[in-house]
PDB file of N, CA and C in Angstrom:
ATOM      1  N   MET A   1     -13.437  64.330 -84.433  1.00  0.00           N
ATOM      2  CA  MET A   1     -13.267  63.258 -85.382  1.00  0.00           C
ATOM      3  C   MET A   1     -11.835  62.721 -85.283  1.00  0.00           C
ATOM      4  N   ALA A   2     -11.690  61.429 -85.178  1.00  0.00           N
ATOM      5  CA  ALA A   2     -10.375  60.793 -85.089  1.00  0.00           C
ATOM      6  C   ALA A   2      -9.776  60.644 -86.481  1.00  0.00           C
ATOM      7  N   LEU A   3      -8.466  60.687 -86.545  1.00  0.00           N
ATOM      8  CA  LEU A   3      -7.774  60.441 -87.799  1.00  0.00           C
ATOM      9  C   LEU A   3      -7.743  58.944 -88.069  1.00  0.00           C
ATOM     10  N   ASN A   4      -7.930  58.570 -89.309  1.00  0.00           N
ATOM     11  CA  ASN A   4      -7.883  57.161 -89.702  1.00  0.00           C
ATOM     12  C   ASN A   4      -6.593  56.915 -90.464  1.00  0.00           C
ATOM     13  N   TYR A   5      -5.562  56.534 -89.750  1.00  0.00           N
ATOM     14  CA  TYR A   5      -4.268  56.292 -90.364  1.00  0.00           C
ATOM     15  C   TYR A   5      -4.259  54.969 -91.113  1.00  0.00           C
ATOM     16  N   VAL A   6      -3.430  54.916 -92.147  1.00  0.00           N
ATOM     17  CA  VAL A   6      -3.139  53.671 -92.838  1.00  0.00           C
ATOM     18  C   VAL A   6      -1.708  53.297 -92.483  1.00  0.00           C
ATOM     19  N   PRO A   7      -1.351  52.022 -92.559  1.00  0.00           N
ATOM     20  CA  PRO A   7       0.011  51.609 -92.161  1.00  0.00           C
ATOM     21  C   PRO A   7       1.054  51.937 -93.229  1.00  0.00           C
ATOM     22  N   GLU A   8       1.213  53.227 -93.500  1.00  0.00           N
ATOM     23  CA  GLU A   8       2.188  53.698 -94.475  1.00  0.00           C
ATOM     24  C   GLU A   8       2.886  54.934 -93.941  1.00  0.00           C
ATOM     25  N   LEU A   9       4.183  55.057 -94.252  1.00  0.00           N
ATOM     26  CA  LEU A   9       4.950  56.234 -93.885  1.00  0.00           C
ATOM     27  C   LEU A   9       6.002  56.449 -94.958  1.00  0.00           C
ATOM     28  N   THR A  10       6.078  57.669 -95.476  1.00  0.00           N
ATOM     29  CA  THR A  10       7.142  58.028 -96.405  1.00  0.00           C
ATOM     30  C   THR A  10       7.975  59.116 -95.745  1.00  0.00           C
ATOM     31  N   ALA A  11       9.226  58.820 -95.486  1.00  0.00           N
ATOM     32  CA  ALA A  11      10.155  59.790 -94.922  1.00  0.00           C
ATOM     33  C   ALA A  11      10.788  60.543 -96.090  1.00  0.00           C
ATOM     34  N   SER A  12      10.492  61.825 -96.208  1.00  0.00           N
ATOM     35  CA  SER A  12      11.004  62.641 -97.308  1.00  0.00           C
ATOM     36  C   SER A  12      12.360  63.227 -96.932  1.00  0.00           C
ATOM     37  N   VAL A  13      13.322  63.084 -97.839  1.00  0.00           N
ATOM     38  CA  VAL A  13      14.687  63.542 -97.605  1.00  0.00           C
ATOM     39  C   VAL A  13      15.131  64.395 -98.790  1.00  0.00           C
ATOM     40  N   GLY A  14      15.633  65.589 -98.516  1.00  0.00           N
ATOM     41  CA  GLY A  14      16.161  66.446 -99.564  1.00  0.00           C
ATOM     42  C   GLY A  14      17.562  66.015 -99.971  1.00  0.00           C
ATOM     43  N   VAL A  15      17.805  65.959-101.289  1.00  0.00           N
ATOM     44  CA  VAL A  15      19.110  65.556-101.819  1.00  0.00           C
ATOM     45  C   VAL A  15      19.481  66.475-102.980  1.00  0.00           C
ATOM     46  N   THR A  16      20.763  66.544-103.307  1.00  0.00           N
ATOM     47  CA  THR A  16      21.202  67.382-104.425  1.00  0.00           C
ATOM     48  C   THR A  16      21.278  66.620-105.737  1.00  0.00           C
ATOM     49  N   SER A  17      21.328  65.295-105.702  1.00  0.00           N
ATOM     50  CA  SER A  17      21.396  64.489-106.924  1.00  0.00           C
ATOM     51  C   SER A  17      20.601  63.198-106.725  1.00  0.00           C
ATOM     52  N   LEU A  18      19.537  63.030-107.519  1.00  0.00           N
ATOM     53  CA  LEU A  18      18.776  61.775-107.434  1.00  0.00           C
ATOM     54  C   LEU A  18      19.647  60.585-107.802  1.00  0.00           C
ATOM     55  N   ASP A  19      20.415  60.710-108.878  1.00  0.00           N
ATOM     56  CA  ASP A  19      21.247  59.586-109.318  1.00  0.00           C
ATOM     57  C   ASP A  19      22.199  59.125-108.223  1.00  0.00           C
ATOM     58  N   ALA A  20      22.964  60.061-107.681  1.00  0.00           N
ATOM     59  CA  ALA A  20      23.940  59.702-106.651  1.00  0.00           C
ATOM     60  C   ALA A  20      23.252  59.191-105.389  1.00  0.00           C
ATOM     61  N   SER A  21      22.139  59.804-105.020  1.00  0.00           N
ATOM     62  CA  SER A  21      21.454  59.400-103.794  1.00  0.00           C
ATOM     63  C   SER A  21      20.780  58.048-103.927  1.00  0.00           C
ATOM     64  N   ILE A  22      20.148  57.783-105.070  1.00  0.00           N
ATOM     65  CA  ILE A  22      19.553  56.461-105.295  1.00  0.00           C
ATOM     66  C   ILE A  22      20.632  55.402-105.172  1.00  0.00           C
ATOM     67  N   ASP A  23      21.766  55.658-105.817  1.00  0.00           N
ATOM     68  CA  ASP A  23      22.879  54.709-105.758  1.00  0.00           C
ATOM     69  C   ASP A  23      23.327  54.487-104.319  1.00  0.00           C
ATOM     70  N   TRP A  24      23.490  55.567-103.539  1.00  0.00           N
ATOM     71  CA  TRP A  24      23.944  55.448-102.148  1.00  0.00           C
ATOM     72  C   TRP A  24      22.930  54.703-101.294  1.00  0.00           C
ATOM     73  N   TYR A  25      21.661  55.073-101.369  1.00  0.00           N
ATOM     74  CA  TYR A  25      20.637  54.426-100.545  1.00  0.00           C
ATOM     75  C   TYR A  25      20.491  52.942-100.904  1.00  0.00           C
ATOM     76  N   ARG A  26      20.707  52.602-102.158  1.00  0.00           N
ATOM     77  CA  ARG A  26      20.643  51.189-102.560  1.00  0.00           C
ATOM     78  C   ARG A  26      21.865  50.417-102.050  1.00  0.00           C
ATOM     79  N   LYS A  27      23.056  50.960-102.319  1.00  0.00           N
ATOM     80  CA  LYS A  27      24.286  50.246-101.944  1.00  0.00           C
ATOM     81  C   LYS A  27      24.493  50.201-100.433  1.00  0.00           C
ATOM     82  N   VAL A  28      24.299  51.324 -99.765  1.00  0.00           N
ATOM     83  CA  VAL A  28      24.635  51.407 -98.346  1.00  0.00           C
ATOM     84  C   VAL A  28      23.518  50.871 -97.459  1.00  0.00           C
ATOM     85  N   LEU A  29      22.278  51.261 -97.717  1.00  0.00           N
ATOM     86  CA  LEU A  29      21.178  50.856 -96.837  1.00  0.00           C
ATOM     87  C   LEU A  29      20.367  49.683 -97.377  1.00  0.00           C
ATOM     88  N   GLY A  30      20.619  49.266 -98.612  1.00  0.00           N
ATOM     89  CA  GLY A  30      19.929  48.110 -99.173  1.00  0.00           C
ATOM     90  C   GLY A  30      18.500  48.401 -99.612  1.00  0.00           C
ATOM     91  N   PHE A  31      18.144  49.676 -99.784  1.00  0.00           N
ATOM     92  CA  PHE A  31      16.799  50.030-100.220  1.00  0.00           C
ATOM     93  C   PHE A  31      16.659  49.750-101.718  1.00  0.00           C
ATOM     94  N   GLU A  32      15.409  49.581-102.180  1.00  0.00           N
ATOM     95  CA  GLU A  32      15.137  49.312-103.585  1.00  0.00           C
ATOM     96  C   GLU A  32      14.270  50.415-104.175  1.00  0.00           C
ATOM     97  N   LEU A  33      14.616  50.843-105.385  1.00  0.00           N
ATOM     98  CA  LEU A  33      13.866  51.896-106.062  1.00  0.00           C
ATOM     99  C   LEU A  33      12.475  51.392-106.416  1.00  0.00           C
ATOM    100  N   LEU A  34      11.445  52.121-105.965  1.00  0.00           N
ATOM    101  CA  LEU A  34      10.062  51.798-106.297  1.00  0.00           C
ATOM    102  C   LEU A  34       9.645  52.499-107.582  1.00  0.00           C
ATOM    103  N   TYR A  35       9.926  53.804-107.653  1.00  0.00           N
ATOM    104  CA  TYR A  35       9.649  54.569-108.864  1.00  0.00           C
ATOM    105  C   TYR A  35      10.406  55.881-108.817  1.00  0.00           C
ATOM    106  N   ARG A  36      10.478  56.513-109.998  1.00  0.00           N
ATOM    107  CA  ARG A  36      11.210  57.776-110.138  1.00  0.00           C
ATOM    108  C   ARG A  36      10.449  58.663-111.111  1.00  0.00           C
ATOM    109  N   VAL A  37      10.287  59.949-110.766  1.00  0.00           N
ATOM    110  CA  VAL A  37       9.628  60.925-111.635  1.00  0.00           C
ATOM    111  C   VAL A  37      10.595  62.095-111.812  1.00  0.00           C
ATOM    112  N   ASP A  38      11.379  62.042-112.883  1.00  0.00           N
ATOM    113  CA  ASP A  38      12.428  63.043-113.090  1.00  0.00           C
ATOM    114  C   ASP A  38      11.877  64.458-113.212  1.00  0.00           C
ATOM    115  N   LYS A  39      10.719  64.640-113.864  1.00  0.00           N
ATOM    116  CA  LYS A  39      10.197  66.004-114.043  1.00  0.00           C
ATOM    117  C   LYS A  39       9.798  66.641-112.712  1.00  0.00           C
ATOM    118  N   LEU A  40       9.583  65.825-111.684  1.00  0.00           N
ATOM    119  CA  LEU A  40       9.299  66.339-110.339  1.00  0.00           C
ATOM    120  C   LEU A  40      10.529  66.312-109.436  1.00  0.00           C
ATOM    121  N   GLY A  41      11.619  65.663-109.896  1.00  0.00           N
ATOM    122  CA  GLY A  41      12.807  65.526-109.054  1.00  0.00           C
ATOM    123  C   GLY A  41      12.512  64.695-107.815  1.00  0.00           C
ATOM    124  N   TRP A  42      11.783  63.597-107.996  1.00  0.00           N
ATOM    125  CA  TRP A  42      11.288  62.790-106.870  1.00  0.00           C
ATOM    126  C   TRP A  42      11.409  61.310-107.193  1.00  0.00           C
ATOM    127  N   CYS A  43      11.707  60.528-106.165  1.00  0.00           N
ATOM    128  CA  CYS A  43      11.632  59.077-106.276  1.00  0.00           C
ATOM    129  C   CYS A  43      11.305  58.518-104.906  1.00  0.00           C
ATOM    130  N   GLU A  44      10.877  57.264-104.891  1.00  0.00           N
ATOM    131  CA  GLU A  44      10.653  56.582-103.622  1.00  0.00           C
ATOM    132  C   GLU A  44      11.354  55.235-103.652  1.00  0.00           C
ATOM    133  N   LEU A  45      11.874  54.871-102.472  1.00  0.00           N
ATOM    134  CA  LEU A  45      12.565  53.600-102.311  1.00  0.00           C
ATOM    135  C   LEU A  45      11.925  52.821-101.169  1.00  0.00           C
ATOM    136  N   SER A  46      11.822  51.506-101.349  1.00  0.00           N
ATOM    137  CA  SER A  46      11.336  50.656-100.259  1.00  0.00           C
ATOM    138  C   SER A  46      12.474  50.452 -99.280  1.00  0.00           C
ATOM    139  N   THR A  47      12.128  50.287 -98.011  1.00  0.00           N
ATOM    140  CA  THR A  47      13.149  50.217 -96.967  1.00  0.00           C
ATOM    141  C   THR A  47      13.342  48.830 -96.375  1.00  0.00           C
ATOM    142  N   GLY A  48      12.457  47.917 -96.657  1.00  0.00           N
ATOM    143  CA  GLY A  48      12.503  46.618 -95.986  1.00  0.00           C
ATOM    144  C   GLY A  48      11.672  46.610 -94.720  1.00  0.00           C
ATOM    145  N   VAL A  49      11.176  47.764 -94.301  1.00  0.00           N
ATOM    146  CA  VAL A  49      10.269  47.869 -93.163  1.00  0.00           C
ATOM    147  C   VAL A  49       8.867  47.985 -93.750  1.00  0.00           C
ATOM    148  N   PRO A  50       7.978  47.040 -93.459  1.00  0.00           N
ATOM    149  CA  PRO A  50       6.650  47.068 -94.067  1.00  0.00           C
ATOM    150  C   PRO A  50       5.948  48.413 -93.883  1.00  0.00           C
ATOM    151  N   GLY A  51       5.479  48.980 -94.998  1.00  0.00           N
ATOM    152  CA  GLY A  51       4.739  50.232 -94.972  1.00  0.00           C
ATOM    153  C   GLY A  51       5.584  51.485 -94.895  1.00  0.00           C
ATOM    154  N   VAL A  52       6.924  51.341 -94.851  1.00  0.00           N
ATOM    155  CA  VAL A  52       7.800  52.509 -94.717  1.00  0.00           C
ATOM    156  C   VAL A  52       8.665  52.642 -95.974  1.00  0.00           C
ATOM    157  N   SER A  53       8.614  53.824 -96.586  1.00  0.00           N
ATOM    158  CA  SER A  53       9.468  54.112 -97.730  1.00  0.00           C
ATOM    159  C   SER A  53      10.202  55.427 -97.495  1.00  0.00           C
ATOM    160  N   VAL A  54      11.225  55.659 -98.310  1.00  0.00           N
ATOM    161  CA  VAL A  54      11.959  56.915 -98.273  1.00  0.00           C
ATOM    162  C   VAL A  54      11.733  57.611 -99.609  1.00  0.00           C
ATOM    163  N   GLY A  55      11.314  58.875 -99.537  1.00  0.00           N
ATOM    164  CA  GLY A  55      11.163  59.678-100.735  1.00  0.00           C
ATOM    165  C   GLY A  55      12.326  60.643-100.834  1.00  0.00           C
ATOM    166  N   LEU A  56      12.973  60.659-101.989  1.00  0.00           N
ATOM    167  CA  LEU A  56      14.080  61.570-102.216  1.00  0.00           C
ATOM    168  C   LEU A  56      13.602  62.719-103.086  1.00  0.00           C
ATOM    169  N   SER A  57      13.824  63.938-102.625  1.00  0.00           N
ATOM    170  CA  SER A  57      13.409  65.140-103.333  1.00  0.00           C
ATOM    171  C   SER A  57      14.649  65.925-103.731  1.00  0.00           C
ATOM    172  N   GLN A  58      14.875  66.052-105.052  1.00  0.00           N
ATOM    173  CA  GLN A  58      16.077  66.741-105.518  1.00  0.00           C
ATOM    174  C   GLN A  58      15.911  68.248-105.395  1.00  0.00           C
ATOM    175  N   ASN A  59      16.922  68.889-104.769  1.00  0.00           N
ATOM    176  CA  ASN A  59      16.938  70.336-104.566  1.00  0.00           C
ATOM    177  C   ASN A  59      18.317  70.869-104.917  1.00  0.00           C
ATOM    178  N   GLU A  60      18.387  72.149-105.299  1.00  0.00           N
ATOM    179  CA  GLU A  60      19.694  72.752-105.592  1.00  0.00           C
ATOM    180  C   GLU A  60      20.559  72.791-104.346  1.00  0.00           C
ATOM    181  N   LYS A  61      19.945  73.136-103.202  1.00  0.00           N
ATOM    182  CA  LYS A  61      20.666  73.181-101.934  1.00  0.00           C
ATOM    183  C   LYS A  61      19.888  72.374-100.911  1.00  0.00           C
ATOM    184  N   VAL A  62      20.605  71.701-100.049  1.00  0.00           N
ATOM    185  CA  VAL A  62      19.983  70.920 -98.981  1.00  0.00           C
ATOM    186  C   VAL A  62      20.378  71.556 -97.659  1.00  0.00           C
ATOM    187  N   ALA A  63      19.391  71.990 -96.894  1.00  0.00           N
ATOM    188  CA  ALA A  63      19.654  72.610 -95.595  1.00  0.00           C
ATOM    189  C   ALA A  63      20.267  71.597 -94.643  1.00  0.00           C
ATOM    190  N   GLN A  64      21.251  72.025 -93.884  1.00  0.00           N
ATOM    191  CA  GLN A  64      21.930  71.156 -92.929  1.00  0.00           C
ATOM    192  C   GLN A  64      21.437  71.432 -91.520  1.00  0.00           C
ATOM    193  N   GLY A  65      21.355  70.387 -90.721  1.00  0.00           N
ATOM    194  CA  GLY A  65      21.131  70.545 -89.299  1.00  0.00           C
ATOM    195  C   GLY A  65      19.694  70.650 -88.834  1.00  0.00           C
ATOM    196  N   GLY A  66      18.742  70.611 -89.737  1.00  0.00           N
ATOM    197  CA  GLY A  66      17.356  70.719 -89.294  1.00  0.00           C
ATOM    198  C   GLY A  66      16.560  69.501 -89.690  1.00  0.00           C
ATOM    199  N   GLY A  67      15.285  69.536 -89.388  1.00  0.00           N
ATOM    200  CA  GLY A  67      14.398  68.464 -89.811  1.00  0.00           C
ATOM    201  C   GLY A  67      14.483  67.236 -88.931  1.00  0.00           C
ATOM    202  N   ALA A  68      13.745  66.239 -89.343  1.00  0.00           N
ATOM    203  CA  ALA A  68      13.672  64.989 -88.597  1.00  0.00           C
ATOM    204  C   ALA A  68      14.895  64.116 -88.861  1.00  0.00           C
ATOM    205  N   THR A  69      15.212  63.275 -87.907  1.00  0.00           N
ATOM    206  CA  THR A  69      16.267  62.275 -88.068  1.00  0.00           C
ATOM    207  C   THR A  69      15.604  60.907 -88.108  1.00  0.00           C
ATOM    208  N   ASN A  70      15.729  60.221 -89.240  1.00  0.00           N
ATOM    209  CA  ASN A  70      15.163  58.875 -89.353  1.00  0.00           C
ATOM    210  C   ASN A  70      16.035  57.911 -88.559  1.00  0.00           C
ATOM    211  N   VAL A  71      15.388  57.105 -87.722  1.00  0.00           N
ATOM    212  CA  VAL A  71      16.089  56.134 -86.890  1.00  0.00           C
ATOM    213  C   VAL A  71      15.651  54.748 -87.340  1.00  0.00           C
ATOM    214  N   TRP A  72      16.624  53.970 -87.831  1.00  0.00           N
ATOM    215  CA  TRP A  72      16.354  52.637 -88.367  1.00  0.00           C
ATOM    216  C   TRP A  72      16.731  51.584 -87.343  1.00  0.00           C
ATOM    217  N   GLY A  73      15.786  50.742 -86.971  1.00  0.00           N
ATOM    218  CA  GLY A  73      16.054  49.654 -86.033  1.00  0.00           C
ATOM    219  C   GLY A  73      16.859  48.555 -86.697  1.00  0.00           C
ATOM    220  N   VAL A  74      17.905  48.098 -86.031  1.00  0.00           N
ATOM    221  CA  VAL A  74      18.736  46.994 -86.530  1.00  0.00           C
ATOM    222  C   VAL A  74      18.889  45.939 -85.433  1.00  0.00           C
ATOM    223  N   LYS A  75      19.183  44.715 -85.845  1.00  0.00           N
ATOM    224  CA  LYS A  75      19.374  43.627 -84.883  1.00  0.00           C
ATOM    225  C   LYS A  75      20.744  43.679 -84.240  1.00  0.00           C
ATOM    226  N   ASP A  76      21.777  44.080 -85.013  1.00  0.00           N
ATOM    227  CA  ASP A  76      23.156  44.074 -84.522  1.00  0.00           C
ATOM    228  C   ASP A  76      23.843  45.366 -84.958  1.00  0.00           C
ATOM    229  N   ILE A  77      23.971  46.310 -84.050  1.00  0.00           N
ATOM    230  CA  ILE A  77      24.516  47.626 -84.393  1.00  0.00           C
ATOM    231  C   ILE A  77      26.008  47.554 -84.725  1.00  0.00           C
ATOM    232  N   ASP A  78      26.742  46.623 -84.132  1.00  0.00           N
ATOM    233  CA  ASP A  78      28.162  46.484 -84.467  1.00  0.00           C
ATOM    234  C   ASP A  78      28.321  46.052 -85.923  1.00  0.00           C
ATOM    235  N   GLN A  79      27.470  45.133 -86.359  1.00  0.00           N
ATOM    236  CA  GLN A  79      27.483  44.683 -87.746  1.00  0.00           C
ATOM    237  C   GLN A  79      27.069  45.840 -88.675  1.00  0.00           C
ATOM    238  N   ALA A  80      26.065  46.611 -88.263  1.00  0.00           N
ATOM    239  CA  ALA A  80      25.609  47.751 -89.065  1.00  0.00           C
ATOM    240  C   ALA A  80      26.723  48.797 -89.194  1.00  0.00           C
ATOM    241  N   LYS A  81      27.444  49.060 -88.097  1.00  0.00           N
ATOM    242  CA  LYS A  81      28.554  50.024 -88.136  1.00  0.00           C
ATOM    243  C   LYS A  81      29.649  49.529 -89.069  1.00  0.00           C
ATOM    244  N   ALA A  82      29.979  48.244 -89.013  1.00  0.00           N
ATOM    245  CA  ALA A  82      30.999  47.686 -89.898  1.00  0.00           C
ATOM    246  C   ALA A  82      30.594  47.854 -91.357  1.00  0.00           C
ATOM    247  N   HIS A  83      29.313  47.684 -91.636  1.00  0.00           N
ATOM    248  CA  HIS A  83      28.800  47.863 -92.993  1.00  0.00           C
ATOM    249  C   HIS A  83      28.977  49.312 -93.442  1.00  0.00           C
ATOM    250  N   LEU A  84      28.625  50.266 -92.575  1.00  0.00           N
ATOM    251  CA  LEU A  84      28.809  51.687 -92.910  1.00  0.00           C
ATOM    252  C   LEU A  84      30.285  52.005 -93.115  1.00  0.00           C
ATOM    253  N   ASP A  85      31.145  51.460 -92.251  1.00  0.00           N
ATOM    254  CA  ASP A  85      32.591  51.676 -92.375  1.00  0.00           C
ATOM    255  C   ASP A  85      33.103  51.165 -93.720  1.00  0.00           C
ATOM    256  N   GLU A  86      32.610  50.010 -94.165  1.00  0.00           N
ATOM    257  CA  GLU A  86      33.014  49.443 -95.461  1.00  0.00           C
ATOM    258  C   GLU A  86      32.686  50.385 -96.606  1.00  0.00           C
ATOM    259  N   HIS A  87      31.606  51.142 -96.450  1.00  0.00           N
ATOM    260  CA  HIS A  87      31.169  52.064 -97.502  1.00  0.00           C
ATOM    261  C   HIS A  87      31.683  53.485 -97.294  1.00  0.00           C
ATOM    262  N   GLY A  88      32.538  53.688 -96.297  1.00  0.00           N
ATOM    263  CA  GLY A  88      33.120  55.001 -96.064  1.00  0.00           C
ATOM    264  C   GLY A  88      32.108  56.056 -95.649  1.00  0.00           C
ATOM    265  N   VAL A  89      31.055  55.645 -94.967  1.00  0.00           N
ATOM    266  CA  VAL A  89      30.002  56.573 -94.548  1.00  0.00           C
ATOM    267  C   VAL A  89      30.485  57.401 -93.365  1.00  0.00           C
ATOM    268  N   ARG A  90      30.206  58.700 -93.400  1.00  0.00           N
ATOM    269  CA  ARG A  90      30.604  59.598 -92.316  1.00  0.00           C
ATOM    270  C   ARG A  90      29.732  59.339 -91.094  1.00  0.00           C
ATOM    271  N   LEU A  91      30.381  59.122 -89.959  1.00  0.00           N
ATOM    272  CA  LEU A  91      29.708  58.862 -88.693  1.00  0.00           C
ATOM    273  C   LEU A  91      29.860  60.069 -87.778  1.00  0.00           C
ATOM    274  N   ASP A  92      28.924  60.188 -86.836  1.00  0.00           N
ATOM    275  CA  ASP A  92      29.027  61.217 -85.805  1.00  0.00           C
ATOM    276  C   ASP A  92      29.484  60.514 -84.526  1.00  0.00           C
ATOM    277  N   GLY A  93      30.768  60.219 -84.454  1.00  0.00           N
ATOM    278  CA  GLY A  93      31.312  59.497 -83.306  1.00  0.00           C
ATOM    279  C   GLY A  93      31.044  58.001 -83.418  1.00  0.00           C
ATOM    280  N   GLY A  94      31.176  57.339 -82.278  1.00  0.00           N
ATOM    281  CA  GLY A  94      30.987  55.902 -82.233  1.00  0.00           C
ATOM    282  C   GLY A  94      29.591  55.526 -81.756  1.00  0.00           C
ATOM    283  N   ILE A  95      29.442  54.275 -81.398  1.00  0.00           N
ATOM    284  CA  ILE A  95      28.166  53.759 -80.912  1.00  0.00           C
ATOM    285  C   ILE A  95      27.932  54.263 -79.490  1.00  0.00           C
ATOM    286  N   GLN A  96      26.775  54.864 -79.257  1.00  0.00           N
ATOM    287  CA  GLN A  96      26.378  55.294 -77.917  1.00  0.00           C
ATOM    288  C   GLN A  96      25.632  54.132 -77.266  1.00  0.00           C
ATOM    289  N   HIS A  97      25.945  53.860 -76.018  1.00  0.00           N
ATOM    290  CA  HIS A  97      25.341  52.729 -75.307  1.00  0.00           C
ATOM    291  C   HIS A  97      24.599  53.253 -74.083  1.00  0.00           C
ATOM    292  N   ILE A  98      23.304  53.057 -74.072  1.00  0.00           N
ATOM    293  CA  ILE A  98      22.490  53.396 -72.905  1.00  0.00           C
ATOM    294  C   ILE A  98      22.091  52.055 -72.290  1.00  0.00           C
ATOM    295  N   PRO A  99      22.744  51.648 -71.178  1.00  0.00           N
ATOM    296  CA  PRO A  99      22.561  50.309 -70.619  1.00  0.00           C
ATOM    297  C   PRO A  99      21.094  49.922 -70.430  1.00  0.00           C
ATOM    298  N   ASP A 100      20.805  48.683 -70.779  1.00  0.00           N
ATOM    299  CA  ASP A 100      19.478  48.084 -70.644  1.00  0.00           C
ATOM    300  C   ASP A 100      18.405  48.786 -71.465  1.00  0.00           C
ATOM    301  N   MET A 101      18.815  49.664 -72.393  1.00  0.00           N
ATOM    302  CA  MET A 101      17.820  50.375 -73.183  1.00  0.00           C
ATOM    303  C   MET A 101      18.093  50.299 -74.685  1.00  0.00           C
ATOM    304  N   VAL A 102      19.221  50.922 -75.125  1.00  0.00           N
ATOM    305  CA  VAL A 102      19.457  51.016 -76.559  1.00  0.00           C
ATOM    306  C   VAL A 102      20.924  51.312 -76.854  1.00  0.00           C
ATOM    307  N   LYS A 103      21.352  50.929 -78.058  1.00  0.00           N
ATOM    308  CA  LYS A 103      22.627  51.362 -78.628  1.00  0.00           C
ATOM    309  C   LYS A 103      22.281  52.171 -79.872  1.00  0.00           C
ATOM    310  N   LEU A 104      22.957  53.322 -80.031  1.00  0.00           N
ATOM    311  CA  LEU A 104      22.650  54.243 -81.123  1.00  0.00           C
ATOM    312  C   LEU A 104      23.909  54.597 -81.906  1.00  0.00           C
ATOM    313  N   LEU A 105      23.736  54.831 -83.201  1.00  0.00           N
ATOM    314  CA  LEU A 105      24.840  55.254 -84.053  1.00  0.00           C
ATOM    315  C   LEU A 105      24.300  56.258 -85.070  1.00  0.00           C
ATOM    316  N   THR A 106      24.850  57.477 -85.044  1.00  0.00           N
ATOM    317  CA  THR A 106      24.434  58.519 -85.984  1.00  0.00           C
ATOM    318  C   THR A 106      25.366  58.523 -87.184  1.00  0.00           C
ATOM    319  N   PHE A 107      24.767  58.632 -88.386  1.00  0.00           N
ATOM    320  CA  PHE A 107      25.547  58.685 -89.621  1.00  0.00           C
ATOM    321  C   PHE A 107      24.861  59.626 -90.604  1.00  0.00           C
ATOM    322  N   TYR A 108      25.559  59.917 -91.717  1.00  0.00           N
ATOM    323  CA  TYR A 108      25.079  60.912 -92.676  1.00  0.00           C
ATOM    324  C   TYR A 108      25.096  60.370 -94.093  1.00  0.00           C
ATOM    325  N   ASP A 109      24.075  60.765 -94.870  1.00  0.00           N
ATOM    326  CA  ASP A 109      24.087  60.440 -96.292  1.00  0.00           C
ATOM    327  C   ASP A 109      25.009  61.443 -96.995  1.00  0.00           C
ATOM    328  N   PRO A 110      25.225  61.306 -98.316  1.00  0.00           N
ATOM    329  CA  PRO A 110      26.167  62.201 -99.001  1.00  0.00           C
ATOM    330  C   PRO A 110      25.804  63.686 -98.935  1.00  0.00           C
ATOM    331  N   ASP A 111      24.526  64.023 -98.696  1.00  0.00           N
ATOM    332  CA  ASP A 111      24.118  65.418 -98.599  1.00  0.00           C
ATOM    333  C   ASP A 111      24.115  65.934 -97.169  1.00  0.00           C
ATOM    334  N   GLY A 112      24.573  65.121 -96.215  1.00  0.00           N
ATOM    335  CA  GLY A 112      24.650  65.551 -94.826  1.00  0.00           C
ATOM    336  C   GLY A 112      23.377  65.339 -94.033  1.00  0.00           C
ATOM    337  N   ASN A 113      22.395  64.612 -94.603  1.00  0.00           N
ATOM    338  CA  ASN A 113      21.182  64.295 -93.850  1.00  0.00           C
ATOM    339  C   ASN A 113      21.523  63.279 -92.763  1.00  0.00           C
ATOM    340  N   ALA A 114      21.197  63.616 -91.522  1.00  0.00           N
ATOM    341  CA  ALA A 114      21.503  62.740 -90.397  1.00  0.00           C
ATOM    342  C   ALA A 114      20.490  61.600 -90.307  1.00  0.00           C
ATOM    343  N   MET A 115      20.978  60.423 -89.979  1.00  0.00           N
ATOM    344  CA  MET A 115      20.170  59.246 -89.711  1.00  0.00           C
ATOM    345  C   MET A 115      20.801  58.511 -88.550  1.00  0.00           C
ATOM    346  N   MET A 116      20.076  57.585 -87.988  1.00  0.00           N
ATOM    347  CA  MET A 116      20.617  56.776 -86.899  1.00  0.00           C
ATOM    348  C   MET A 116      20.226  55.319 -87.088  1.00  0.00           C
ATOM    349  N   PHE A 117      21.087  54.437 -86.584  1.00  0.00           N
ATOM    350  CA  PHE A 117      20.725  53.041 -86.368  1.00  0.00           C
ATOM    351  C   PHE A 117      20.500  52.890 -84.871  1.00  0.00           C
ATOM    352  N   ALA A 118      19.534  52.066 -84.496  1.00  0.00           N
ATOM    353  CA  ALA A 118      19.241  51.802 -83.086  1.00  0.00           C
ATOM    354  C   ALA A 118      19.063  50.313 -82.881  1.00  0.00           C
ATOM    355  N   GLN A 119      19.740  49.782 -81.870  1.00  0.00           N
ATOM    356  CA  GLN A 119      19.563  48.382 -81.467  1.00  0.00           C
ATOM    357  C   GLN A 119      18.937  48.390 -80.080  1.00  0.00           C
ATOM    358  N   SER A 120      17.728  47.882 -79.981  1.00  0.00           N
ATOM    359  CA  SER A 120      17.043  47.839 -78.706  1.00  0.00           C
ATOM    360  C   SER A 120      17.698  46.814 -77.783  1.00  0.00           C
ATOM    361  N   LEU A 121      17.891  47.205 -76.528  1.00  0.00           N
ATOM    362  CA  LEU A 121      18.447  46.304 -75.528  1.00  0.00           C
ATOM    363  C   LEU A 121      17.406  45.948 -74.477  1.00  0.00           C
ATOM    364  N   ALA A 122      16.182  46.466 -74.652  1.00  0.00           N
ATOM    365  CA  ALA A 122      15.109  46.219 -73.683  1.00  0.00           C
ATOM    366  C   ALA A 122      14.776  44.738 -73.672  1.00  0.00           C
ATOM    367  N   LYS A 123      14.613  44.217 -72.483  1.00  0.00           N
ATOM    368  CA  LYS A 123      14.236  42.808 -72.333  1.00  0.00           C
ATOM    369  C   LYS A 123      12.734  42.702 -72.344  1.00  0.00           C
ATOM    370  N   SER A 124      12.240  41.833 -73.215  1.00  0.00           N
ATOM    371  CA  SER A 124      10.780  41.670 -73.276  1.00  0.00           C
ATOM    372  C   SER A 124      10.336  40.773 -72.144  1.00  0.00           C
ATOM    373  N   GLY A 125       9.116  41.047 -71.724  1.00  0.00           N
ATOM    374  CA  GLY A 125       8.650  40.219 -70.810  1.00  0.00           C
ATOM    375  C   GLY A 125       8.012  40.081 -69.654  1.00  0.00           C
TER     376      GLY A 125
END
């Protein structure tokens, strides 16, 4: 039997403070709060990518270095890096350039969750 997927994806991210994380994801990444359930320590934010949301799960401790890394496609990675720099976001080095393929930039949310921006350089056609 084949799986019948729907065009939805929620990337779950562990955080130590819903308040601080909601504020960061809104200000830095431009996401919008969809809903919040304090008794569960959970909220979801829209990402601007159709069908993709981020769920924040509040935990006492957030494990570092494991799990998935969400990679967000951007049109202009230099502009995206400047935006992160304006907000004092911790980066893992500079922009990596793989010629004719992609430019990548790794950064971290306040709890140390790794994310990346990616600008595709592939020529369509």
